[in-house]
Amino acid sequence: MFDHLYLVAHRPPSHPSAALYTSFLCIAENEDEAIHKTREACPGTKIIGVRISKHGLLAMASCNRSLPLSVCRAYDGFYLGTFDPNTGPVSRESEEYFPSLQAARQALLSGNWTQRLDA
């Protein structure tokens, strides 16, 4: 399981104008789960778009690959990094190891983590 931070653009029923929309941040395994969480939090909303919110800087710098930040598991705990489903882990982006899945998810959602500067 790898969680990503998704940004879901949506238009709540209270904003019928096509020019107005709002964003919802959530942690999910995939776009469908992100849409589901948005609809649970904002019933009756119209989904406009979904995208992964953040990408790994070290994955880009060291491998020239744009991969989404994910919550990853290691022997020492959880960390924020990037993962390729075909080849496995690519980069550990966070300096920190988090003691729990929930703590790592919270760090990803809040942005309260330290970016590693070298691989």
N, C-alpha and C. Protein backbone atom coordinates (compact mmCIF):
# COMPACT_ATOMS: atom_id res chain seq x y z
N MET A 1 0.84 -1.18 0.00
CA MET A 1 0.00 0.00 0.00
C MET A 1 0.88 1.24 0.00
N PHE A 2 0.60 2.18 -0.87
CA PHE A 2 1.31 3.44 -0.93
C PHE A 2 0.29 4.55 -1.01
N ASP A 3 0.33 5.44 -0.03
CA ASP A 3 -0.60 6.55 0.02
C ASP A 3 0.01 7.77 -0.65
N HIS A 4 -0.81 8.51 -1.36
CA HIS A 4 -0.40 9.74 -2.02
C HIS A 4 -1.26 10.88 -1.52
N LEU A 5 -0.75 12.09 -1.63
CA LEU A 5 -1.52 13.28 -1.30
C LEU A 5 -2.20 13.76 -2.58
N TYR A 6 -3.53 13.74 -2.58
CA TYR A 6 -4.30 14.15 -3.75
C TYR A 6 -4.94 15.51 -3.51
N LEU A 7 -5.01 16.30 -4.56
CA LEU A 7 -5.73 17.56 -4.56
C LEU A 7 -6.94 17.36 -5.47
N VAL A 8 -8.14 17.49 -4.91
CA VAL A 8 -9.36 17.27 -5.68
C VAL A 8 -10.07 18.62 -5.84
N ALA A 9 -10.20 19.07 -7.07
CA ALA A 9 -10.96 20.29 -7.36
C ALA A 9 -12.42 19.90 -7.50
N HIS A 10 -13.28 20.64 -6.80
CA HIS A 10 -14.71 20.31 -6.86
C HIS A 10 -15.56 21.56 -6.69
N ARG A 11 -16.81 21.43 -7.07
CA ARG A 11 -17.78 22.52 -6.96
C ARG A 11 -18.91 22.07 -6.05
N PRO A 12 -18.95 22.60 -4.82
CA PRO A 12 -20.03 22.22 -3.90
C PRO A 12 -21.38 22.75 -4.40
N PRO A 13 -22.47 22.14 -3.96
CA PRO A 13 -23.81 22.59 -4.38
C PRO A 13 -24.06 24.06 -4.04
N SER A 14 -23.39 24.57 -3.01
CA SER A 14 -23.59 25.97 -2.62
C SER A 14 -22.89 26.95 -3.55
N HIS A 15 -22.10 26.46 -4.52
CA HIS A 15 -21.39 27.29 -5.49
C HIS A 15 -21.77 26.86 -6.91
N PRO A 16 -22.98 27.17 -7.38
CA PRO A 16 -23.41 26.69 -8.69
C PRO A 16 -22.68 27.33 -9.86
N SER A 17 -22.02 28.46 -9.65
CA SER A 17 -21.33 29.15 -10.74
C SER A 17 -20.19 28.30 -11.27
N ALA A 18 -20.08 28.22 -12.58
CA ALA A 18 -19.02 27.44 -13.21
C ALA A 18 -17.64 28.02 -12.91
N ALA A 19 -17.56 29.29 -12.55
CA ALA A 19 -16.27 29.93 -12.30
C ALA A 19 -15.75 29.67 -10.89
N LEU A 20 -16.58 29.18 -10.00
CA LEU A 20 -16.17 28.98 -8.62
C LEU A 20 -16.00 27.50 -8.31
N TYR A 21 -14.86 27.17 -7.74
CA TYR A 21 -14.65 25.82 -7.25
C TYR A 21 -13.72 25.88 -6.05
N THR A 22 -13.62 24.79 -5.34
CA THR A 22 -12.76 24.73 -4.17
C THR A 22 -11.91 23.47 -4.25
N SER A 23 -10.92 23.37 -3.39
CA SER A 23 -10.01 22.22 -3.39
C SER A 23 -10.14 21.45 -2.10
N PHE A 24 -9.91 20.17 -2.19
CA PHE A 24 -9.95 19.28 -1.04
C PHE A 24 -8.68 18.44 -1.06
N LEU A 25 -7.90 18.50 0.02
CA LEU A 25 -6.70 17.68 0.13
C LEU A 25 -7.03 16.41 0.90
N CYS A 26 -6.58 15.29 0.41
CA CYS A 26 -6.79 14.05 1.14
C CYS A 26 -5.68 13.06 0.80
N ILE A 27 -5.50 12.10 1.68
CA ILE A 27 -4.54 11.04 1.44
C ILE A 27 -5.32 9.80 1.01
N ALA A 28 -4.89 9.23 -0.11
CA ALA A 28 -5.59 8.07 -0.66
C ALA A 28 -4.60 7.21 -1.43
N GLU A 29 -5.00 5.98 -1.69
CA GLU A 29 -4.16 5.07 -2.47
C GLU A 29 -4.28 5.32 -3.97
N ASN A 30 -5.43 5.86 -4.40
CA ASN A 30 -5.64 6.09 -5.82
C ASN A 30 -6.68 7.18 -6.02
N GLU A 31 -6.89 7.58 -7.28
CA GLU A 31 -7.82 8.67 -7.59
C GLU A 31 -9.25 8.34 -7.18
N ASP A 32 -9.68 7.10 -7.39
CA ASP A 32 -11.04 6.73 -7.03
C ASP A 32 -11.30 6.91 -5.53
N GLU A 33 -10.33 6.51 -4.72
CA GLU A 33 -10.48 6.68 -3.28
C GLU A 33 -10.49 8.16 -2.91
N ALA A 34 -9.68 8.98 -3.59
CA ALA A 34 -9.66 10.42 -3.33
C ALA A 34 -11.01 11.05 -3.66
N ILE A 35 -11.59 10.64 -4.78
CA ILE A 35 -12.91 11.16 -5.16
C ILE A 35 -13.96 10.73 -4.14
N HIS A 36 -13.90 9.47 -3.72
CA HIS A 36 -14.85 8.96 -2.73
C HIS A 36 -14.75 9.76 -1.42
N LYS A 37 -13.53 10.01 -0.96
CA LYS A 37 -13.34 10.78 0.28
C LYS A 37 -13.87 12.20 0.14
N THR A 38 -13.66 12.80 -1.03
CA THR A 38 -14.17 14.15 -1.27
C THR A 38 -15.69 14.17 -1.21
N ARG A 39 -16.31 13.19 -1.85
CA ARG A 39 -17.78 13.13 -1.85
C ARG A 39 -18.35 12.85 -0.46
N GLU A 40 -17.61 12.07 0.34
CA GLU A 40 -18.05 11.84 1.73
C GLU A 40 -17.98 13.13 2.54
N ALA A 41 -16.91 13.90 2.34
CA ALA A 41 -16.71 15.13 3.11
C ALA A 41 -17.60 16.27 2.60
N CYS A 42 -17.95 16.24 1.33
CA CYS A 42 -18.72 17.32 0.69
C CYS A 42 -19.85 16.71 -0.13
N PRO A 43 -20.90 16.23 0.52
CA PRO A 43 -22.00 15.58 -0.22
C PRO A 43 -22.59 16.49 -1.30
N GLY A 44 -22.90 15.89 -2.44
CA GLY A 44 -23.53 16.62 -3.54
C GLY A 44 -22.57 17.42 -4.40
N THR A 45 -21.29 17.32 -4.12
CA THR A 45 -20.30 18.10 -4.86
C THR A 45 -20.07 17.53 -6.25
N LYS A 46 -19.68 18.40 -7.18
CA LYS A 46 -19.33 17.97 -8.54
C LYS A 46 -17.81 17.97 -8.65
N ILE A 47 -17.24 16.83 -8.99
CA ILE A 47 -15.79 16.70 -9.12
C ILE A 47 -15.35 17.33 -10.44
N ILE A 48 -14.36 18.20 -10.37
CA ILE A 48 -13.84 18.87 -11.56
C ILE A 48 -12.53 18.23 -12.02
N GLY A 49 -11.69 17.86 -11.08
CA GLY A 49 -10.41 17.26 -11.44
C GLY A 49 -9.70 16.70 -10.23
N VAL A 50 -8.78 15.77 -10.46
CA VAL A 50 -8.01 15.13 -9.40
C VAL A 50 -6.57 15.05 -9.86
N ARG A 51 -5.65 15.37 -8.95
CA ARG A 51 -4.24 15.19 -9.29
C ARG A 51 -3.44 14.92 -8.02
N ILE A 52 -2.33 14.25 -8.20
CA ILE A 52 -1.41 14.06 -7.09
C ILE A 52 -0.77 15.40 -6.83
N SER A 53 -0.69 15.76 -5.56
CA SER A 53 -0.29 17.10 -5.20
C SER A 53 1.21 17.33 -5.17
N LYS A 54 2.00 16.36 -4.79
CA LYS A 54 3.44 16.59 -4.63
C LYS A 54 4.24 15.46 -5.26
N HIS A 55 5.42 15.81 -5.78
CA HIS A 55 6.32 14.84 -6.39
C HIS A 55 7.67 14.87 -5.68
N GLY A 56 8.40 13.78 -5.77
CA GLY A 56 9.69 13.67 -5.10
C GLY A 56 10.78 14.46 -5.79
N LEU A 57 11.45 15.33 -5.04
CA LEU A 57 12.54 16.13 -5.59
C LEU A 57 13.79 15.29 -5.85
N LEU A 58 14.12 14.39 -4.93
CA LEU A 58 15.31 13.56 -5.12
C LEU A 58 15.15 12.57 -6.27
N ALA A 59 13.95 12.07 -6.45
CA ALA A 59 13.71 11.16 -7.58
C ALA A 59 13.97 11.90 -8.89
N MET A 60 13.59 13.17 -8.94
CA MET A 60 13.83 13.97 -10.14
C MET A 60 15.32 14.28 -10.28
N ALA A 61 15.96 14.68 -9.18
CA ALA A 61 17.37 15.08 -9.24
C ALA A 61 18.30 13.90 -9.53
N SER A 62 18.03 12.76 -8.92
CA SER A 62 18.96 11.64 -9.07
C SER A 62 18.61 10.68 -10.20
N CYS A 63 17.33 10.60 -10.55
CA CYS A 63 16.90 9.61 -11.57
C CYS A 63 16.19 10.26 -12.75
N ASN A 64 16.00 11.58 -12.69
CA ASN A 64 15.26 12.30 -13.73
C ASN A 64 13.88 11.71 -13.94
N ARG A 65 13.20 11.40 -12.81
CA ARG A 65 11.86 10.81 -12.88
C ARG A 65 10.91 11.61 -12.00
N SER A 66 9.76 11.93 -12.53
CA SER A 66 8.72 12.62 -11.78
C SER A 66 7.77 11.58 -11.19
N LEU A 67 7.94 11.32 -9.90
CA LEU A 67 7.13 10.31 -9.21
C LEU A 67 6.43 10.96 -8.03
N PRO A 68 5.21 10.55 -7.74
CA PRO A 68 4.47 11.15 -6.62
C PRO A 68 5.07 10.77 -5.27
N LEU A 69 4.97 11.70 -4.32
CA LEU A 69 5.35 11.39 -2.95
C LEU A 69 4.39 10.36 -2.41
N SER A 70 4.92 9.40 -1.69
CA SER A 70 4.13 8.32 -1.12
C SER A 70 4.55 8.08 0.31
N VAL A 71 3.66 7.49 1.09
CA VAL A 71 4.03 6.97 2.39
C VAL A 71 4.59 5.57 2.14
N CYS A 72 5.83 5.35 2.55
CA CYS A 72 6.51 4.08 2.32
C CYS A 72 6.88 3.45 3.66
N ARG A 73 7.02 2.15 3.66
CA ARG A 73 7.36 1.43 4.88
C ARG A 73 8.76 0.85 4.78
N ALA A 74 9.51 0.98 5.87
CA ALA A 74 10.86 0.41 5.96
C ALA A 74 10.99 -0.25 7.32
N TYR A 75 12.09 -0.92 7.51
CA TYR A 75 12.34 -1.60 8.78
C TYR A 75 12.31 -0.61 9.95
N ASP A 76 12.81 0.60 9.73
CA ASP A 76 12.90 1.62 10.79
C ASP A 76 11.59 2.37 11.02
N GLY A 77 10.57 2.11 10.24
CA GLY A 77 9.29 2.82 10.38
C GLY A 77 8.77 3.23 9.01
N PHE A 78 8.11 4.35 8.98
CA PHE A 78 7.52 4.86 7.74
C PHE A 78 8.27 6.12 7.33
N TYR A 79 8.34 6.36 6.04
CA TYR A 79 8.99 7.56 5.53
C TYR A 79 8.24 8.06 4.30
N LEU A 80 8.54 9.28 3.89
CA LEU A 80 7.97 9.82 2.67
C LEU A 80 9.00 9.64 1.57
N GLY A 81 8.57 9.04 0.49
CA GLY A 81 9.49 8.76 -0.60
C GLY A 81 8.74 8.56 -1.90
N THR A 82 9.42 7.99 -2.86
CA THR A 82 8.79 7.69 -4.15
C THR A 82 8.94 6.20 -4.43
N PHE A 83 8.04 5.70 -5.24
CA PHE A 83 7.96 4.28 -5.51
C PHE A 83 7.51 4.08 -6.94
N ASP A 84 8.16 3.18 -7.62
CA ASP A 84 7.76 2.78 -8.97
C ASP A 84 7.15 1.39 -8.87
N PRO A 85 5.90 1.21 -9.30
CA PRO A 85 5.25 -0.10 -9.16
C PRO A 85 5.96 -1.22 -9.92
N ASN A 86 6.78 -0.86 -10.91
CA ASN A 86 7.49 -1.88 -11.69
C ASN A 86 8.86 -2.23 -11.11
N THR A 87 9.50 -1.27 -10.47
CA THR A 87 10.87 -1.50 -10.00
C THR A 87 11.04 -1.39 -8.49
N GLY A 88 10.04 -0.83 -7.77
CA GLY A 88 10.13 -0.70 -6.32
C GLY A 88 10.52 0.70 -5.87
N PRO A 89 11.07 0.81 -4.65
CA PRO A 89 11.41 2.13 -4.10
C PRO A 89 12.44 2.86 -4.96
N VAL A 90 12.25 4.17 -5.10
CA VAL A 90 13.17 4.99 -5.90
C VAL A 90 13.94 5.96 -5.01
N SER A 91 13.25 6.67 -4.12
CA SER A 91 13.94 7.64 -3.27
C SER A 91 13.27 7.74 -1.90
N ARG A 92 14.10 8.04 -0.89
CA ARG A 92 13.57 8.42 0.42
C ARG A 92 13.69 9.93 0.46
N GLU A 93 12.55 10.61 0.47
CA GLU A 93 12.53 12.07 0.40
C GLU A 93 12.58 12.72 1.78
N SER A 94 12.02 12.08 2.78
CA SER A 94 11.99 12.69 4.12
C SER A 94 13.22 12.31 4.93
N GLU A 95 13.72 13.29 5.69
CA GLU A 95 14.79 13.00 6.65
C GLU A 95 14.27 12.07 7.74
N GLU A 96 13.02 12.29 8.11
CA GLU A 96 12.43 11.58 9.25
C GLU A 96 11.97 10.17 8.87
N TYR A 97 12.02 9.32 9.86
CA TYR A 97 11.25 8.08 9.86
C TYR A 97 10.13 8.31 10.86
N PHE A 98 8.93 7.92 10.50
CA PHE A 98 7.77 8.15 11.35
C PHE A 98 7.40 6.85 12.04
N PRO A 99 6.95 6.92 13.31
CA PRO A 99 6.69 5.71 14.08
C PRO A 99 5.45 4.94 13.64
N SER A 100 4.56 5.61 12.91
CA SER A 100 3.32 4.94 12.53
C SER A 100 2.86 5.42 11.15
N LEU A 101 2.00 4.63 10.55
CA LEU A 101 1.40 5.00 9.27
C LEU A 101 0.65 6.31 9.41
N GLN A 102 -0.10 6.46 10.50
CA GLN A 102 -0.88 7.68 10.73
C GLN A 102 0.02 8.91 10.83
N ALA A 103 1.15 8.79 11.54
CA ALA A 103 2.08 9.92 11.67
C ALA A 103 2.66 10.31 10.31
N ALA A 104 3.00 9.33 9.48
CA ALA A 104 3.53 9.61 8.15
C ALA A 104 2.46 10.25 7.27
N ARG A 105 1.24 9.76 7.34
CA ARG A 105 0.14 10.36 6.57
C ARG A 105 -0.08 11.81 6.98
N GLN A 106 -0.05 12.06 8.29
CA GLN A 106 -0.25 13.43 8.79
C GLN A 106 0.86 14.35 8.30
N ALA A 107 2.10 13.87 8.30
CA ALA A 107 3.21 14.68 7.81
C ALA A 107 3.04 14.99 6.33
N LEU A 108 2.63 14.01 5.55
CA LEU A 108 2.40 14.22 4.12
C LEU A 108 1.29 15.23 3.89
N LEU A 109 0.22 15.10 4.63
CA LEU A 109 -0.93 15.99 4.47
C LEU A 109 -0.61 17.41 4.92
N SER A 110 0.08 17.56 6.04
CA SER A 110 0.35 18.89 6.60
C SER A 110 1.58 19.57 6.00
N GLY A 111 2.46 18.78 5.40
CA GLY A 111 3.70 19.34 4.91
C GLY A 111 4.75 19.50 6.00
N ASN A 112 4.47 18.95 7.18
CA ASN A 112 5.37 19.08 8.33
C ASN A 112 6.39 17.94 8.32
N TRP A 113 7.36 18.04 7.42
CA TRP A 113 8.44 17.07 7.30
C TRP A 113 9.63 17.76 6.66
N THR A 114 10.79 17.14 6.74
CA THR A 114 12.02 17.75 6.24
C THR A 114 12.48 17.04 4.97
N GLN A 115 12.65 17.81 3.91
CA GLN A 115 13.12 17.28 2.63
C GLN A 115 14.60 16.92 2.74
N ARG A 116 14.97 15.69 2.39
CA ARG A 116 16.39 15.33 2.29
C ARG A 116 17.01 16.10 1.12
N LEU A 117 18.27 16.46 1.26
CA LEU A 117 18.92 17.24 0.22
C LEU A 117 19.81 16.41 -0.69
N ASP A 118 20.17 15.20 -0.26
CA ASP A 118 20.94 14.34 -1.14
C ASP A 118 20.50 12.89 -0.97
N ALA A 119 20.75 12.12 -2.01
CA ALA A 119 20.25 10.74 -2.03
C ALA A 119 21.13 9.78 -1.29
